[in-house]
Amino acid sequence: MTFRPERRALVVGVRPEMREKYLALHRAVWPSVERKLTECNVRNYSICIVGDILGASYASMGEDHEADMCRIAEDPATQEWWTHTDPSQVRIAEERVPRALWQPIDEVWHLA
């Protein structure tokens, strides 16, 4: 059986008054945060912006996405990172994941 990565996409708003702070943080993402993402099977992670809307996509290369996301959420460095990034964000999509700022969006088309 061949493993196929799971593609994931999310959306969130960025508060206009905090947009530049958010962008500055992402010009120098903490190496410990990047390392934890990699350890938890996240690859090809991109965050894009248009106006005050952020979109993210990544490939989940592990066998248990939920467990990988829990390991990321339990990481002290990632938790600290989020204290800097989360205040910049506001939910803009229907709440599909309770209490999450970043909400999943459905892929409509993909060219491999």
N, C-alpha and C. Protein backbone atom coordinates (compact mmCIF):
# COMPACT_ATOMS: atom_id res chain seq x y z
N MET A 1 0.84 -1.18 0.00
CA MET A 1 0.00 0.00 0.00
C MET A 1 0.89 1.24 0.00
N THR A 2 0.62 2.18 -0.86
CA THR A 2 1.38 3.42 -0.96
C THR A 2 0.70 4.51 -0.15
N PHE A 3 1.50 5.18 0.68
CA PHE A 3 0.96 6.28 1.48
C PHE A 3 0.85 7.53 0.62
N ARG A 4 -0.27 8.21 0.73
CA ARG A 4 -0.46 9.47 0.02
C ARG A 4 -0.63 10.58 1.05
N PRO A 5 0.10 11.66 0.89
CA PRO A 5 -0.04 12.77 1.83
C PRO A 5 -1.45 13.36 1.77
N GLU A 6 -1.89 13.86 2.91
CA GLU A 6 -3.16 14.57 2.98
C GLU A 6 -2.90 16.05 2.78
N ARG A 7 -3.61 16.66 1.86
CA ARG A 7 -3.48 18.10 1.64
C ARG A 7 -4.51 18.79 2.52
N ARG A 8 -4.08 19.85 3.19
CA ARG A 8 -4.95 20.61 4.10
C ARG A 8 -4.91 22.09 3.74
N ALA A 9 -6.02 22.77 3.91
CA ALA A 9 -6.08 24.21 3.67
C ALA A 9 -6.95 24.86 4.73
N LEU A 10 -6.56 26.09 5.13
CA LEU A 10 -7.25 26.81 6.20
C LEU A 10 -7.33 28.28 5.86
N VAL A 11 -8.24 28.98 6.54
CA VAL A 11 -8.39 30.42 6.32
C VAL A 11 -8.67 31.10 7.66
N VAL A 12 -8.16 32.34 7.76
CA VAL A 12 -8.41 33.17 8.94
C VAL A 12 -8.25 34.63 8.52
N GLY A 13 -8.84 35.52 9.28
CA GLY A 13 -8.64 36.94 9.02
C GLY A 13 -7.48 37.46 9.86
N VAL A 14 -6.89 38.54 9.41
CA VAL A 14 -5.87 39.22 10.21
C VAL A 14 -6.42 40.60 10.55
N ARG A 15 -6.31 40.97 11.80
CA ARG A 15 -6.80 42.28 12.24
C ARG A 15 -5.99 43.37 11.54
N PRO A 16 -6.65 44.30 10.85
CA PRO A 16 -5.92 45.32 10.08
C PRO A 16 -4.85 46.05 10.89
N GLU A 17 -5.16 46.37 12.13
CA GLU A 17 -4.20 47.11 12.96
C GLU A 17 -3.01 46.26 13.41
N MET A 18 -3.09 44.94 13.21
CA MET A 18 -2.01 44.04 13.62
C MET A 18 -1.37 43.33 12.43
N ARG A 19 -1.78 43.69 11.24
CA ARG A 19 -1.30 43.04 10.02
C ARG A 19 0.22 43.10 9.92
N GLU A 20 0.81 44.26 10.09
CA GLU A 20 2.26 44.39 9.94
C GLU A 20 3.02 43.60 10.99
N LYS A 21 2.51 43.56 12.22
CA LYS A 21 3.15 42.76 13.26
C LYS A 21 3.14 41.28 12.88
N TYR A 22 1.99 40.82 12.38
CA TYR A 22 1.86 39.42 11.97
C TYR A 22 2.85 39.09 10.85
N LEU A 23 2.93 39.97 9.87
CA LEU A 23 3.85 39.74 8.75
C LEU A 23 5.29 39.76 9.22
N ALA A 24 5.63 40.65 10.14
CA ALA A 24 6.99 40.71 10.67
C ALA A 24 7.34 39.42 11.40
N LEU A 25 6.43 38.89 12.18
CA LEU A 25 6.68 37.62 12.87
C LEU A 25 6.99 36.51 11.86
N HIS A 26 6.29 36.51 10.75
CA HIS A 26 6.47 35.43 9.78
C HIS A 26 7.66 35.64 8.84
N ARG A 27 8.29 36.78 8.92
CA ARG A 27 9.56 36.95 8.20
C ARG A 27 10.69 36.27 8.95
N ALA A 28 10.43 35.90 10.20
CA ALA A 28 11.46 35.24 11.02
C ALA A 28 10.80 34.24 11.97
N VAL A 29 10.15 33.23 11.39
CA VAL A 29 9.49 32.21 12.21
C VAL A 29 10.56 31.52 13.06
N TRP A 30 10.23 31.30 14.31
CA TRP A 30 11.18 30.69 15.24
C TRP A 30 11.59 29.30 14.74
N PRO A 31 12.88 29.01 14.73
CA PRO A 31 13.35 27.69 14.29
C PRO A 31 12.72 26.54 15.08
N SER A 32 12.47 26.74 16.37
CA SER A 32 11.87 25.67 17.18
C SER A 32 10.44 25.36 16.71
N VAL A 33 9.73 26.38 16.25
CA VAL A 33 8.37 26.17 15.74
C VAL A 33 8.44 25.41 14.41
N GLU A 34 9.34 25.82 13.55
CA GLU A 34 9.51 25.11 12.27
C GLU A 34 9.94 23.67 12.50
N ARG A 35 10.83 23.47 13.45
CA ARG A 35 11.31 22.11 13.74
C ARG A 35 10.17 21.22 14.22
N LYS A 36 9.31 21.76 15.11
CA LYS A 36 8.18 20.96 15.61
C LYS A 36 7.22 20.60 14.48
N LEU A 37 6.94 21.55 13.59
CA LEU A 37 6.08 21.25 12.44
C LEU A 37 6.66 20.10 11.62
N THR A 38 7.96 20.18 11.36
CA THR A 38 8.62 19.13 10.58
C THR A 38 8.57 17.79 11.31
N GLU A 39 8.85 17.81 12.62
CA GLU A 39 8.81 16.57 13.43
C GLU A 39 7.42 15.95 13.39
N CYS A 40 6.41 16.77 13.22
CA CYS A 40 5.03 16.30 13.23
C CYS A 40 4.46 16.13 11.82
N ASN A 41 5.37 15.89 10.88
CA ASN A 41 4.99 15.47 9.52
C ASN A 41 4.31 16.53 8.67
N VAL A 42 4.54 17.80 8.97
CA VAL A 42 4.00 18.89 8.15
C VAL A 42 5.05 19.27 7.11
N ARG A 43 4.64 19.30 5.85
CA ARG A 43 5.54 19.66 4.76
C ARG A 43 4.85 20.66 3.84
N ASN A 44 5.65 21.39 3.09
CA ASN A 44 5.13 22.33 2.09
C ASN A 44 4.09 23.27 2.67
N TYR A 45 4.38 23.81 3.84
CA TYR A 45 3.46 24.72 4.53
C TYR A 45 3.66 26.13 3.98
N SER A 46 2.58 26.72 3.53
CA SER A 46 2.60 28.10 3.03
C SER A 46 1.47 28.87 3.67
N ILE A 47 1.75 30.13 4.00
CA ILE A 47 0.72 31.07 4.41
C ILE A 47 0.77 32.21 3.40
N CYS A 48 -0.39 32.55 2.85
CA CYS A 48 -0.50 33.62 1.86
C CYS A 48 -1.48 34.65 2.39
N ILE A 49 -1.37 35.86 1.85
CA ILE A 49 -2.26 36.93 2.30
C ILE A 49 -2.80 37.71 1.11
N VAL A 50 -4.06 38.09 1.23
CA VAL A 50 -4.67 39.04 0.30
C VAL A 50 -5.53 39.95 1.17
N GLY A 51 -5.25 41.23 1.12
CA GLY A 51 -5.97 42.15 2.00
C GLY A 51 -5.77 41.74 3.44
N ASP A 52 -6.87 41.48 4.13
CA ASP A 52 -6.80 41.06 5.53
C ASP A 52 -7.24 39.61 5.70
N ILE A 53 -7.01 38.80 4.66
CA ILE A 53 -7.34 37.38 4.72
C ILE A 53 -6.07 36.57 4.54
N LEU A 54 -5.87 35.63 5.46
CA LEU A 54 -4.75 34.71 5.39
C LEU A 54 -5.26 33.34 4.96
N GLY A 55 -4.55 32.72 4.06
CA GLY A 55 -4.83 31.35 3.66
C GLY A 55 -3.58 30.53 3.87
N ALA A 56 -3.76 29.31 4.30
CA ALA A 56 -2.62 28.43 4.53
C ALA A 56 -2.90 27.08 3.89
N SER A 57 -1.83 26.44 3.43
CA SER A 57 -1.96 25.08 2.93
C SER A 57 -0.70 24.32 3.30
N TYR A 58 -0.87 23.02 3.48
CA TYR A 58 0.28 22.16 3.80
C TYR A 58 -0.07 20.72 3.46
N ALA A 59 0.96 19.91 3.42
CA ALA A 59 0.78 18.48 3.23
C ALA A 59 1.08 17.79 4.56
N SER A 60 0.18 16.92 4.97
CA SER A 60 0.37 16.12 6.17
C SER A 60 0.92 14.77 5.72
N MET A 61 2.15 14.48 6.12
CA MET A 61 2.84 13.28 5.64
C MET A 61 2.76 12.11 6.61
N GLY A 62 2.15 12.32 7.77
CA GLY A 62 2.07 11.27 8.77
C GLY A 62 0.87 10.36 8.57
N GLU A 63 0.81 9.37 9.41
CA GLU A 63 -0.30 8.42 9.34
C GLU A 63 -1.46 8.82 10.25
N ASP A 64 -1.21 9.76 11.18
CA ASP A 64 -2.25 10.18 12.13
C ASP A 64 -2.21 11.70 12.28
N HIS A 65 -2.92 12.39 11.40
CA HIS A 65 -2.92 13.86 11.39
C HIS A 65 -3.36 14.43 12.73
N GLU A 66 -4.41 13.89 13.30
CA GLU A 66 -4.93 14.38 14.58
C GLU A 66 -3.86 14.29 15.67
N ALA A 67 -3.17 13.18 15.76
CA ALA A 67 -2.11 13.02 16.78
C ALA A 67 -0.97 13.99 16.52
N ASP A 68 -0.62 14.20 15.27
CA ASP A 68 0.44 15.16 14.94
C ASP A 68 0.03 16.57 15.37
N MET A 69 -1.22 16.96 15.11
CA MET A 69 -1.68 18.29 15.49
C MET A 69 -1.69 18.45 17.01
N CYS A 70 -2.03 17.39 17.73
CA CYS A 70 -1.99 17.44 19.20
C CYS A 70 -0.57 17.64 19.70
N ARG A 71 0.40 16.95 19.09
CA ARG A 71 1.80 17.11 19.49
C ARG A 71 2.27 18.54 19.25
N ILE A 72 1.84 19.14 18.16
CA ILE A 72 2.19 20.54 17.89
C ILE A 72 1.57 21.43 18.97
N ALA A 73 0.30 21.22 19.28
CA ALA A 73 -0.41 22.05 20.25
C ALA A 73 0.16 21.92 21.66
N GLU A 74 0.79 20.80 21.97
CA GLU A 74 1.36 20.56 23.30
C GLU A 74 2.78 21.12 23.42
N ASP A 75 3.37 21.55 22.34
CA ASP A 75 4.76 22.02 22.33
C ASP A 75 4.85 23.41 22.99
N PRO A 76 5.68 23.56 24.03
CA PRO A 76 5.78 24.85 24.72
C PRO A 76 6.23 26.00 23.81
N ALA A 77 7.16 25.77 22.92
CA ALA A 77 7.62 26.85 22.02
C ALA A 77 6.49 27.27 21.08
N THR A 78 5.73 26.32 20.58
CA THR A 78 4.61 26.64 19.70
C THR A 78 3.53 27.40 20.47
N GLN A 79 3.27 26.98 21.70
CA GLN A 79 2.29 27.69 22.52
C GLN A 79 2.72 29.13 22.73
N GLU A 80 4.00 29.36 22.97
CA GLU A 80 4.51 30.73 23.14
C GLU A 80 4.38 31.51 21.84
N TRP A 81 4.72 30.88 20.70
CA TRP A 81 4.57 31.51 19.38
C TRP A 81 3.14 31.99 19.18
N TRP A 82 2.19 31.14 19.53
CA TRP A 82 0.78 31.47 19.35
C TRP A 82 0.35 32.66 20.21
N THR A 83 1.02 32.90 21.36
CA THR A 83 0.66 34.08 22.16
C THR A 83 1.00 35.36 21.39
N HIS A 84 1.90 35.26 20.43
CA HIS A 84 2.26 36.42 19.61
C HIS A 84 1.40 36.52 18.34
N THR A 85 1.05 35.37 17.75
CA THR A 85 0.31 35.39 16.49
C THR A 85 -1.21 35.43 16.66
N ASP A 86 -1.73 34.71 17.63
CA ASP A 86 -3.20 34.61 17.77
C ASP A 86 -3.90 35.94 17.97
N PRO A 87 -3.35 36.89 18.73
CA PRO A 87 -4.06 38.17 18.88
C PRO A 87 -4.26 38.92 17.56
N SER A 88 -3.47 38.57 16.54
CA SER A 88 -3.58 39.23 15.23
C SER A 88 -4.70 38.63 14.39
N GLN A 89 -5.25 37.51 14.82
CA GLN A 89 -6.16 36.75 13.97
C GLN A 89 -7.61 36.85 14.43
N VAL A 90 -8.50 36.72 13.46
CA VAL A 90 -9.93 36.71 13.74
C VAL A 90 -10.60 35.70 12.80
N ARG A 91 -11.49 34.90 13.34
CA ARG A 91 -12.19 33.90 12.53
C ARG A 91 -13.08 34.60 11.51
N ILE A 92 -13.02 34.15 10.27
CA ILE A 92 -13.86 34.74 9.22
C ILE A 92 -14.74 33.71 8.53
N ALA A 93 -14.49 32.44 8.79
CA ALA A 93 -15.25 31.37 8.13
C ALA A 93 -16.19 30.72 9.15
N GLU A 94 -17.13 29.95 8.64
CA GLU A 94 -18.02 29.21 9.52
C GLU A 94 -17.18 28.35 10.46
N GLU A 95 -17.67 28.18 11.67
CA GLU A 95 -16.91 27.42 12.67
C GLU A 95 -17.10 25.93 12.43
N ARG A 96 -16.16 25.34 11.71
CA ARG A 96 -16.19 23.91 11.45
C ARG A 96 -15.40 23.15 12.50
N VAL A 97 -14.39 23.82 13.06
CA VAL A 97 -13.61 23.27 14.16
C VAL A 97 -13.87 24.18 15.36
N PRO A 98 -14.57 23.68 16.38
CA PRO A 98 -14.93 24.52 17.52
C PRO A 98 -13.73 25.23 18.15
N ARG A 99 -13.89 26.52 18.40
CA ARG A 99 -12.93 27.39 19.08
C ARG A 99 -11.65 27.65 18.28
N ALA A 100 -11.50 27.10 17.09
CA ALA A 100 -10.29 27.33 16.30
C ALA A 100 -10.42 28.63 15.52
N LEU A 101 -9.34 29.41 15.51
CA LEU A 101 -9.32 30.61 14.68
C LEU A 101 -9.23 30.22 13.21
N TRP A 102 -8.20 29.43 12.88
CA TRP A 102 -8.02 28.96 11.51
C TRP A 102 -9.07 27.88 11.26
N GLN A 103 -9.87 28.08 10.25
CA GLN A 103 -10.92 27.11 9.91
C GLN A 103 -10.58 26.41 8.60
N PRO A 104 -10.83 25.11 8.53
CA PRO A 104 -10.53 24.38 7.30
C PRO A 104 -11.41 24.84 6.15
N ILE A 105 -10.85 24.81 4.97
CA ILE A 105 -11.60 25.09 3.75
C ILE A 105 -11.44 23.90 2.81
N ASP A 106 -12.40 23.72 1.96
CA ASP A 106 -12.40 22.56 1.06
C ASP A 106 -11.67 22.86 -0.23
N GLU A 107 -10.87 21.91 -0.65
CA GLU A 107 -10.20 22.03 -1.94
C GLU A 107 -11.22 21.83 -3.06
N VAL A 108 -11.21 22.71 -4.02
CA VAL A 108 -12.13 22.65 -5.14
C VAL A 108 -11.46 22.00 -6.34
N TRP A 109 -10.16 22.26 -6.49
CA TRP A 109 -9.42 21.75 -7.65
C TRP A 109 -7.96 21.66 -7.29
N HIS A 110 -7.27 20.68 -7.85
CA HIS A 110 -5.84 20.51 -7.61
C HIS A 110 -5.18 19.95 -8.87
N LEU A 111 -4.11 20.56 -9.30
CA LEU A 111 -3.30 20.05 -10.41
C LEU A 111 -2.05 19.44 -9.83
N ALA A 112 -1.88 18.17 -10.00
CA ALA A 112 -0.68 17.49 -9.47
C ALA A 112 0.42 17.45 -10.52
